[in-house]
Amino acid sequence: MSEMIVETRDLSMRFGGVLAVNNVNFSLRERELRCLIGPNGAGKSTLFKCMTGLHQIHHSNGRVFIRGHDVTGWRPHEIVQLGVGIKTQVPSLFNGLSVWENVWLSACRVYPKAKALEVTRDTLERVGLSSLQKSTTGLLAHGQRQWVELAVVIAADPSLILLDEPAAGLDVGGREDLLRRFAQFSNDATAPASVLVTHHIEEIPVGTTHAILLKDGKVAVSGPVQSVITTEHVSAVFGLHIEVTHESSRFF
């Protein structure tokens, strides 16, 4: 049995009278790629922020474990030190620095400077940013900045990557390109375990092992991707019916 990387136990989060996350149990093992799906307001991003420390939780509201550590109540920077790479919806970068400098600074967190140079070069090639390495990050288009932040996350060699709506704000072509490249990255034999949050069924990348459908803060259904997205739960939540075949499946 592979190692458990992330686990939540009876996790809940309330904002005033709204129970945004309601008794959610979630787990992720080594090398897995799982997607949290659901409509806006389902509790996906709130659950993500609970796992990353962006929302502070107390033990009375459940537990979060990362690599066996009880990180309930930990701050984001403490969780990152466990080898967790966090990609939020809005890119958080050093806008006055070049693309190379942003990625290099991330690599320097875990590698000696000489090795960090090599990792930076390889990472930029891996995500297709070599041609933009000298560009000022703050002057890039939104889609390019999304790529830069993903490169920053990868360069730190995380054992776990958590991505909240990584394709947010991209046009159809940009979204498909990002998801295709991320699928290639996540299917690599050395890729870390990953959790991807999205409210678009078509944004489930190739290689995703499991999907978790959230509705009103609760887990409506969880299991292998094809079995989840073809259930009546998806039809009820998204108002559509999907039949997954070799010909019709584009990403998953």
C-alpha atoms as a PDB file:
ATOM      1  CA  MET A   1       0.000   0.000   0.000  1.00  0.00           C
ATOM      2  CA  SER A   2       1.472   3.375  -1.003  1.00  0.00           C
ATOM      3  CA  GLU A   3       2.043   6.084   1.566  1.00  0.00           C
ATOM      4  CA  MET A   4      -0.821   8.374   2.564  1.00  0.00           C
ATOM      5  CA  ILE A   5       0.150  11.922   1.585  1.00  0.00           C
ATOM      6  CA  VAL A   6      -2.948  13.922   2.561  1.00  0.00           C
ATOM      7  CA  GLU A   7      -5.904  13.046   4.728  1.00  0.00           C
ATOM      8  CA  THR A   8      -8.789  15.040   6.167  1.00  0.00           C
ATOM      9  CA  ARG A   9     -10.956  13.592   8.908  1.00  0.00           C
ATOM     10  CA  ASP A  10     -14.476  14.890   9.535  1.00  0.00           C
ATOM     11  CA  LEU A  11     -13.384  18.335   8.355  1.00  0.00           C
ATOM     12  CA  SER A  12     -15.861  21.196   8.620  1.00  0.00           C
ATOM     13  CA  MET A  13     -15.650  24.969   8.143  1.00  0.00           C
ATOM     14  CA  ARG A  14     -18.381  27.444   8.994  1.00  0.00           C
ATOM     15  CA  PHE A  15     -18.666  31.114   8.058  1.00  0.00           C
ATOM     16  CA  GLY A  16     -21.384  32.604  10.228  1.00  0.00           C
ATOM     17  CA  GLY A  17     -24.521  30.628   9.476  1.00  0.00           C
ATOM     18  CA  VAL A  18     -23.057  28.972   6.371  1.00  0.00           C
ATOM     19  CA  LEU A  19     -21.506  25.524   6.663  1.00  0.00           C
ATOM     20  CA  ALA A  20     -19.113  25.749   3.690  1.00  0.00           C
ATOM     21  CA  VAL A  21     -17.421  22.389   4.328  1.00  0.00           C
ATOM     22  CA  ASN A  22     -19.481  19.723   6.044  1.00  0.00           C
ATOM     23  CA  ASN A  23     -17.764  16.702   7.588  1.00  0.00           C
ATOM     24  CA  VAL A  24     -15.500  15.948   4.611  1.00  0.00           C
ATOM     25  CA  ASN A  25     -13.204  12.932   4.620  1.00  0.00           C
ATOM     26  CA  PHE A  26     -10.594  13.011   1.861  1.00  0.00           C
ATOM     27  CA  SER A  27      -7.378  11.101   1.205  1.00  0.00           C
ATOM     28  CA  LEU A  28      -4.574  11.106  -1.335  1.00  0.00           C
ATOM     29  CA  ARG A  29      -1.812   8.553  -1.686  1.00  0.00           C
ATOM     30  CA  GLU A  30       1.636   8.857  -3.189  1.00  0.00           C
ATOM     31  CA  ARG A  31       1.725   9.375  -6.994  1.00  0.00           C
ATOM     32  CA  GLU A  32      -2.046   9.925  -7.200  1.00  0.00           C
ATOM     33  CA  LEU A  33      -3.710  12.797  -9.044  1.00  0.00           C
ATOM     34  CA  ARG A  34      -7.180  13.580  -7.730  1.00  0.00           C
ATOM     35  CA  CYS A  35      -9.669  16.266  -8.715  1.00  0.00           C
ATOM     36  CA  LEU A  36     -12.148  18.104  -6.527  1.00  0.00           C
ATOM     37  CA  ILE A  37     -15.071  19.077  -8.749  1.00  0.00           C
ATOM     38  CA  GLY A  38     -18.349  20.833  -8.178  1.00  0.00           C
ATOM     39  CA  PRO A  39     -20.216  24.051  -9.034  1.00  0.00           C
ATOM     40  CA  ASN A  40     -19.367  27.472  -7.638  1.00  0.00           C
ATOM     41  CA  GLY A  41     -20.176  27.575  -3.947  1.00  0.00           C
ATOM     42  CA  ALA A  42     -19.821  23.822  -3.455  1.00  0.00           C
ATOM     43  CA  GLY A  43     -16.990  24.248  -0.937  1.00  0.00           C
ATOM     44  CA  LYS A  44     -14.045  23.234  -3.140  1.00  0.00           C
ATOM     45  CA  SER A  45     -11.852  26.275  -2.579  1.00  0.00           C
ATOM     46  CA  THR A  46     -12.741  26.373   1.106  1.00  0.00           C
ATOM     47  CA  LEU A  47     -11.624  22.749   1.496  1.00  0.00           C
ATOM     48  CA  PHE A  48      -8.442  23.595  -0.445  1.00  0.00           C
ATOM     49  CA  LYS A  49      -7.727  26.536   1.869  1.00  0.00           C
ATOM     50  CA  CYS A  50      -8.305  24.356   4.934  1.00  0.00           C
ATOM     51  CA  MET A  51      -5.725  21.865   3.640  1.00  0.00           C
ATOM     52  CA  THR A  52      -3.171  24.590   2.897  1.00  0.00           C
ATOM     53  CA  GLY A  53      -3.558  26.641   6.069  1.00  0.00           C
ATOM     54  CA  LEU A  54      -5.110  29.622   4.302  1.00  0.00           C
ATOM     55  CA  HIS A  55      -8.167  29.014   6.497  1.00  0.00           C
ATOM     56  CA  GLN A  56      -7.325  28.358  10.130  1.00  0.00           C
ATOM     57  CA  ILE A  57      -9.192  25.408  11.593  1.00  0.00           C
ATOM     58  CA  HIS A  58      -9.433  24.013  15.104  1.00  0.00           C
ATOM     59  CA  HIS A  59      -9.343  20.390  16.199  1.00  0.00           C
ATOM     60  CA  SER A  60     -13.017  20.618  17.093  1.00  0.00           C
ATOM     61  CA  ASN A  61     -13.699  21.098  13.344  1.00  0.00           C
ATOM     62  CA  GLY A  62     -11.800  18.004  12.208  1.00  0.00           C
ATOM     63  CA  ARG A  63      -8.209  17.218  11.331  1.00  0.00           C
ATOM     64  CA  VAL A  64      -5.829  17.633   8.400  1.00  0.00           C
ATOM     65  CA  PHE A  65      -2.811  15.346   8.044  1.00  0.00           C
ATOM     66  CA  ILE A  66       0.044  15.743   5.556  1.00  0.00           C
ATOM     67  CA  ARG A  67       2.599  12.928   5.429  1.00  0.00           C
ATOM     68  CA  GLY A  68       1.499  11.785   8.868  1.00  0.00           C
ATOM     69  CA  HIS A  69       1.844  15.237  10.455  1.00  0.00           C
ATOM     70  CA  ASP A  70      -1.251  16.705  12.070  1.00  0.00           C
ATOM     71  CA  VAL A  71      -1.165  20.152  10.422  1.00  0.00           C
ATOM     72  CA  THR A  72      -4.496  21.305  11.830  1.00  0.00           C
ATOM     73  CA  GLY A  73      -4.078  24.993  12.629  1.00  0.00           C
ATOM     74  CA  TRP A  74      -0.717  25.313  10.864  1.00  0.00           C
ATOM     75  CA  ARG A  75       0.106  28.396   8.797  1.00  0.00           C
ATOM     76  CA  PRO A  76       0.719  28.136   5.026  1.00  0.00           C
ATOM     77  CA  HIS A  77       4.491  28.691   5.319  1.00  0.00           C
ATOM     78  CA  GLU A  78       4.712  25.852   7.853  1.00  0.00           C
ATOM     79  CA  ILE A  79       2.816  23.502   5.542  1.00  0.00           C
ATOM     80  CA  VAL A  80       5.015  24.473   2.578  1.00  0.00           C
ATOM     81  CA  GLN A  81       8.049  23.380   4.606  1.00  0.00           C
ATOM     82  CA  LEU A  82       6.705  19.815   4.488  1.00  0.00           C
ATOM     83  CA  GLY A  83       7.340  19.800   0.735  1.00  0.00           C
ATOM     84  CA  VAL A  84       3.950  21.105  -0.360  1.00  0.00           C
ATOM     85  CA  GLY A  85       3.611  23.245  -3.486  1.00  0.00           C
ATOM     86  CA  ILE A  86       0.556  25.528  -3.471  1.00  0.00           C
ATOM     87  CA  LYS A  87      -0.906  27.130  -6.618  1.00  0.00           C
ATOM     88  CA  THR A  88      -3.785  29.507  -5.866  1.00  0.00           C
ATOM     89  CA  GLN A  89      -6.287  30.929  -8.373  1.00  0.00           C
ATOM     90  CA  VAL A  90      -4.524  34.300  -8.639  1.00  0.00           C
ATOM     91  CA  PRO A  91      -0.780  34.103  -9.430  1.00  0.00           C
ATOM     92  CA  SER A  92       1.439  35.317  -6.582  1.00  0.00           C
ATOM     93  CA  LEU A  93       4.754  36.289  -8.130  1.00  0.00           C
ATOM     94  CA  PHE A  94       7.519  38.893  -7.952  1.00  0.00           C
ATOM     95  CA  ASN A  95       6.253  41.133 -10.736  1.00  0.00           C
ATOM     96  CA  GLY A  96       9.430  43.234 -10.981  1.00  0.00           C
ATOM     97  CA  LEU A  97      11.652  40.202 -11.521  1.00  0.00           C
ATOM     98  CA  SER A  98      12.150  38.166 -14.673  1.00  0.00           C
ATOM     99  CA  VAL A  99      10.568  34.776 -15.255  1.00  0.00           C
ATOM    100  CA  TRP A 100      13.986  33.168 -14.731  1.00  0.00           C
ATOM    101  CA  GLU A 101      14.515  34.983 -11.423  1.00  0.00           C
ATOM    102  CA  ASN A 102      11.112  33.937 -10.073  1.00  0.00           C
ATOM    103  CA  VAL A 103      11.747  30.281 -10.838  1.00  0.00           C
ATOM    104  CA  TRP A 104      15.382  30.408  -9.715  1.00  0.00           C
ATOM    105  CA  LEU A 105      14.435  31.849  -6.310  1.00  0.00           C
ATOM    106  CA  SER A 106      12.028  28.959  -5.828  1.00  0.00           C
ATOM    107  CA  ALA A 107      14.699  26.403  -6.767  1.00  0.00           C
ATOM    108  CA  CYS A 108      17.158  28.048  -4.355  1.00  0.00           C
ATOM    109  CA  ARG A 109      14.846  27.181  -1.465  1.00  0.00           C
ATOM    110  CA  VAL A 110      15.776  23.516  -1.763  1.00  0.00           C
ATOM    111  CA  TYR A 111      18.964  23.313  -3.876  1.00  0.00           C
ATOM    112  CA  PRO A 112      22.507  24.736  -3.732  1.00  0.00           C
ATOM    113  CA  LYS A 113      22.932  27.632  -6.159  1.00  0.00           C
ATOM    114  CA  ALA A 114      24.733  25.630  -8.841  1.00  0.00           C
ATOM    115  CA  LYS A 115      22.043  22.945  -8.816  1.00  0.00           C
ATOM    116  CA  ALA A 116      19.329  25.618  -8.706  1.00  0.00           C
ATOM    117  CA  LEU A 117      20.566  26.997 -12.033  1.00  0.00           C
ATOM    118  CA  GLU A 118      20.203  23.570 -13.620  1.00  0.00           C
ATOM    119  CA  VAL A 119      16.753  23.011 -12.090  1.00  0.00           C
ATOM    120  CA  THR A 120      15.586  26.437 -13.252  1.00  0.00           C
ATOM    121  CA  ARG A 121      16.643  25.764 -16.821  1.00  0.00           C
ATOM    122  CA  ASP A 122      15.082  22.305 -16.846  1.00  0.00           C
ATOM    123  CA  THR A 123      11.827  23.538 -15.291  1.00  0.00           C
ATOM    124  CA  LEU A 124      11.427  26.355 -17.808  1.00  0.00           C
ATOM    125  CA  GLU A 125      11.961  23.879 -20.636  1.00  0.00           C
ATOM    126  CA  ARG A 126       9.550  21.434 -19.058  1.00  0.00           C
ATOM    127  CA  VAL A 127       6.672  23.937 -18.987  1.00  0.00           C
ATOM    128  CA  GLY A 128       7.563  25.686 -22.251  1.00  0.00           C
ATOM    129  CA  LEU A 129       8.742  29.017 -20.832  1.00  0.00           C
ATOM    130  CA  SER A 130      12.354  29.104 -22.033  1.00  0.00           C
ATOM    131  CA  SER A 131      11.592  31.771 -24.637  1.00  0.00           C
ATOM    132  CA  LEU A 132      10.161  34.054 -21.925  1.00  0.00           C
ATOM    133  CA  GLN A 133      12.850  33.557 -19.296  1.00  0.00           C
ATOM    134  CA  LYS A 134      14.174  37.136 -19.598  1.00  0.00           C
ATOM    135  CA  SER A 135      10.719  38.740 -19.650  1.00  0.00           C
ATOM    136  CA  THR A 136       9.532  40.861 -16.741  1.00  0.00           C
ATOM    137  CA  THR A 137       6.881  38.779 -15.015  1.00  0.00           C
ATOM    138  CA  GLY A 138       4.535  41.658 -14.277  1.00  0.00           C
ATOM    139  CA  LEU A 139       4.283  42.508 -17.987  1.00  0.00           C
ATOM    140  CA  LEU A 140       3.149  39.034 -19.055  1.00  0.00           C
ATOM    141  CA  ALA A 141      -0.385  38.088 -20.035  1.00  0.00           C
ATOM    142  CA  HIS A 142      -2.520  36.360 -17.402  1.00  0.00           C
ATOM    143  CA  GLY A 143      -2.154  32.928 -18.994  1.00  0.00           C
ATOM    144  CA  GLN A 144       1.622  33.245 -19.132  1.00  0.00           C
ATOM    145  CA  ARG A 145       1.694  34.262 -15.465  1.00  0.00           C
ATOM    146  CA  GLN A 146      -0.292  31.141 -14.615  1.00  0.00           C
ATOM    147  CA  TRP A 147       2.444  29.116 -16.275  1.00  0.00           C
ATOM    148  CA  VAL A 148       5.179  30.987 -14.409  1.00  0.00           C
ATOM    149  CA  GLU A 149       3.575  30.254 -11.045  1.00  0.00           C
ATOM    150  CA  LEU A 150       3.220  26.584 -11.938  1.00  0.00           C
ATOM    151  CA  ALA A 151       6.937  26.566 -12.819  1.00  0.00           C
ATOM    152  CA  VAL A 152       7.706  28.224  -9.478  1.00  0.00           C
ATOM    153  CA  VAL A 153       5.802  25.457  -7.685  1.00  0.00           C
ATOM    154  CA  ILE A 154       7.503  22.659  -9.654  1.00  0.00           C
ATOM    155  CA  ALA A 155      11.026  24.108  -9.225  1.00  0.00           C
ATOM    156  CA  ALA A 156      10.872  23.639  -5.453  1.00  0.00           C
ATOM    157  CA  ASP A 157      10.615  19.866  -5.974  1.00  0.00           C
ATOM    158  CA  PRO A 158       7.446  19.362  -3.900  1.00  0.00           C
ATOM    159  CA  SER A 159       6.231  15.914  -2.862  1.00  0.00           C
ATOM    160  CA  LEU A 160       2.673  17.234  -3.053  1.00  0.00           C
ATOM    161  CA  ILE A 161       1.105  19.856  -5.334  1.00  0.00           C
ATOM    162  CA  LEU A 162      -2.221  21.526  -4.534  1.00  0.00           C
ATOM    163  CA  LEU A 163      -3.766  23.555  -7.366  1.00  0.00           C
ATOM    164  CA  ASP A 164      -6.872  25.706  -7.015  1.00  0.00           C
ATOM    165  CA  GLU A 165      -8.487  26.439 -10.400  1.00  0.00           C
ATOM    166  CA  PRO A 166      -5.123  26.561 -12.265  1.00  0.00           C
ATOM    167  CA  ALA A 167      -6.843  27.349 -15.589  1.00  0.00           C
ATOM    168  CA  ALA A 168      -8.952  30.214 -14.209  1.00  0.00           C
ATOM    169  CA  GLY A 169      -9.100  33.191 -16.553  1.00  0.00           C
ATOM    170  CA  LEU A 170      -7.652  31.366 -19.557  1.00  0.00           C
ATOM    171  CA  ASP A 171      -9.340  31.122 -22.921  1.00  0.00           C
ATOM    172  CA  VAL A 172     -10.251  27.698 -24.308  1.00  0.00           C
ATOM    173  CA  GLY A 173      -6.957  27.223 -26.124  1.00  0.00           C
ATOM    174  CA  GLY A 174      -4.881  28.314 -23.141  1.00  0.00           C
ATOM    175  CA  ARG A 175      -6.875  26.096 -20.791  1.00  0.00           C
ATOM    176  CA  GLU A 176      -6.466  23.038 -22.994  1.00  0.00           C
ATOM    177  CA  ASP A 177      -2.740  23.687 -23.380  1.00  0.00           C
ATOM    178  CA  LEU A 178      -2.192  24.070 -19.632  1.00  0.00           C
ATOM    179  CA  LEU A 179      -4.164  20.941 -18.794  1.00  0.00           C
ATOM    180  CA  ARG A 180      -2.443  18.898 -21.483  1.00  0.00           C
ATOM    181  CA  ARG A 181       1.015  19.890 -20.271  1.00  0.00           C
ATOM    182  CA  PHE A 182       0.107  19.380 -16.627  1.00  0.00           C
ATOM    183  CA  ALA A 183      -1.202  15.912 -17.513  1.00  0.00           C
ATOM    184  CA  GLN A 184       2.141  15.112 -19.144  1.00  0.00           C
ATOM    185  CA  PHE A 185       3.973  16.367 -16.046  1.00  0.00           C
ATOM    186  CA  SER A 186       1.756  14.513 -13.553  1.00  0.00           C
ATOM    187  CA  ASN A 187       2.030  11.241 -15.482  1.00  0.00           C
ATOM    188  CA  ASP A 188       5.819  11.276 -15.265  1.00  0.00           C
ATOM    189  CA  ALA A 189       7.223   8.484 -13.113  1.00  0.00           C
ATOM    190  CA  THR A 190       8.802  10.986 -10.702  1.00  0.00           C
ATOM    191  CA  ALA A 191       5.829  13.364 -10.456  1.00  0.00           C
ATOM    192  CA  PRO A 192       4.486  14.246  -6.995  1.00  0.00           C
ATOM    193  CA  ALA A 193       0.984  13.516  -5.753  1.00  0.00           C
ATOM    194  CA  SER A 194      -1.430  16.265  -6.809  1.00  0.00           C
ATOM    195  CA  VAL A 195      -4.873  17.651  -6.018  1.00  0.00           C
ATOM    196  CA  LEU A 196      -6.553  19.845  -8.623  1.00  0.00           C
ATOM    197  CA  VAL A 197      -9.675  21.907  -7.881  1.00  0.00           C
ATOM    198  CA  THR A 198     -12.032  22.827 -10.717  1.00  0.00           C
ATOM    199  CA  HIS A 199     -15.695  23.526 -11.435  1.00  0.00           C
ATOM    200  CA  HIS A 200     -15.378  22.471 -15.082  1.00  0.00           C
ATOM    201  CA  ILE A 201     -15.723  18.771 -15.911  1.00  0.00           C
ATOM    202  CA  GLU A 202     -13.606  19.237 -19.033  1.00  0.00           C
ATOM    203  CA  GLU A 203     -10.676  20.425 -16.900  1.00  0.00           C
ATOM    204  CA  ILE A 204     -10.041  16.985 -15.408  1.00  0.00           C
ATOM    205  CA  PRO A 205      -6.545  16.093 -16.722  1.00  0.00           C
ATOM    206  CA  VAL A 206      -5.524  12.808 -18.274  1.00  0.00           C
ATOM    207  CA  GLY A 207      -4.215  10.428 -15.630  1.00  0.00           C
ATOM    208  CA  THR A 208      -6.520  11.608 -12.858  1.00  0.00           C
ATOM    209  CA  THR A 209      -7.109   8.595 -10.640  1.00  0.00           C
ATOM    210  CA  HIS A 210     -10.116   9.730  -8.646  1.00  0.00           C
ATOM    211  CA  ALA A 211     -12.653  12.534  -8.608  1.00  0.00           C
ATOM    212  CA  ILE A 212     -14.561  13.905  -5.635  1.00  0.00           C
ATOM    213  CA  LEU A 213     -17.799  15.740  -6.346  1.00  0.00           C
ATOM    214  CA  LEU A 214     -18.692  18.315  -3.705  1.00  0.00           C
ATOM    215  CA  LYS A 215     -22.185  19.745  -3.329  1.00  0.00           C
ATOM    216  CA  ASP A 216     -23.268  22.133  -0.567  1.00  0.00           C
ATOM    217  CA  GLY A 217     -20.054  21.423   1.317  1.00  0.00           C
ATOM    218  CA  LYS A 218     -20.554  17.649   1.346  1.00  0.00           C
ATOM    219  CA  VAL A 219     -19.052  14.795  -0.654  1.00  0.00           C
ATOM    220  CA  ALA A 220     -21.836  13.812  -3.056  1.00  0.00           C
ATOM    221  CA  VAL A 221     -19.833  11.014  -4.662  1.00  0.00           C
ATOM    222  CA  SER A 222     -16.211   9.885  -4.739  1.00  0.00           C
ATOM    223  CA  GLY A 223     -14.395   7.267  -6.769  1.00  0.00           C
ATOM    224  CA  PRO A 224     -12.655   6.560 -10.093  1.00  0.00           C
ATOM    225  CA  VAL A 225     -13.114   9.452 -12.520  1.00  0.00           C
ATOM    226  CA  GLN A 226     -15.290   7.735 -15.095  1.00  0.00           C
ATOM    227  CA  SER A 227     -17.626   6.274 -12.488  1.00  0.00           C
ATOM    228  CA  VAL A 228     -18.039   9.657 -10.784  1.00  0.00           C
ATOM    229  CA  ILE A 229     -18.687  11.880 -13.778  1.00  0.00           C
ATOM    230  CA  THR A 230     -21.198   9.511 -15.351  1.00  0.00           C
ATOM    231  CA  THR A 231     -23.394   9.289 -12.238  1.00  0.00           C
ATOM    232  CA  GLU A 232     -26.759  10.931 -11.749  1.00  0.00           C
ATOM    233  CA  HIS A 233     -25.035  13.198  -9.194  1.00  0.00           C
ATOM    234  CA  VAL A 234     -23.114  14.993 -11.957  1.00  0.00           C
ATOM    235  CA  SER A 235     -26.249  15.216 -14.070  1.00  0.00           C
ATOM    236  CA  ALA A 236     -28.144  16.764 -11.153  1.00  0.00           C
ATOM    237  CA  VAL A 237     -25.398  19.211 -10.178  1.00  0.00           C
ATOM    238  CA  PHE A 238     -24.276  20.346 -13.641  1.00  0.00           C
ATOM    239  CA  GLY A 239     -27.487  19.737 -15.582  1.00  0.00           C
ATOM    240  CA  LEU A 240     -25.824  17.422 -18.088  1.00  0.00           C
ATOM    241  CA  HIS A 241     -25.150  13.778 -18.747  1.00  0.00           C
ATOM    242  CA  ILE A 242     -21.734  12.491 -19.784  1.00  0.00           C
ATOM    243  CA  GLU A 243     -20.918   9.167 -21.367  1.00  0.00           C
ATOM    244  CA  VAL A 244     -17.189   8.608 -21.381  1.00  0.00           C
ATOM    245  CA  THR A 245     -15.844   6.656 -24.362  1.00  0.00           C
ATOM    246  CA  HIS A 246     -12.418   6.404 -25.937  1.00  0.00           C
ATOM    247  CA  GLU A 247     -13.580   8.643 -28.775  1.00  0.00           C
ATOM    248  CA  SER A 248     -15.412  11.267 -26.754  1.00  0.00           C
ATOM    249  CA  SER A 249     -13.071  11.586 -23.755  1.00  0.00           C
ATOM    250  CA  ARG A 250     -10.805  14.538 -24.348  1.00  0.00           C
ATOM    251  CA  PHE A 251      -8.913  14.931 -21.095  1.00  0.00           C
ATOM    252  CA  PHE A 252      -9.890  12.193 -18.643  1.00  0.00           C
END
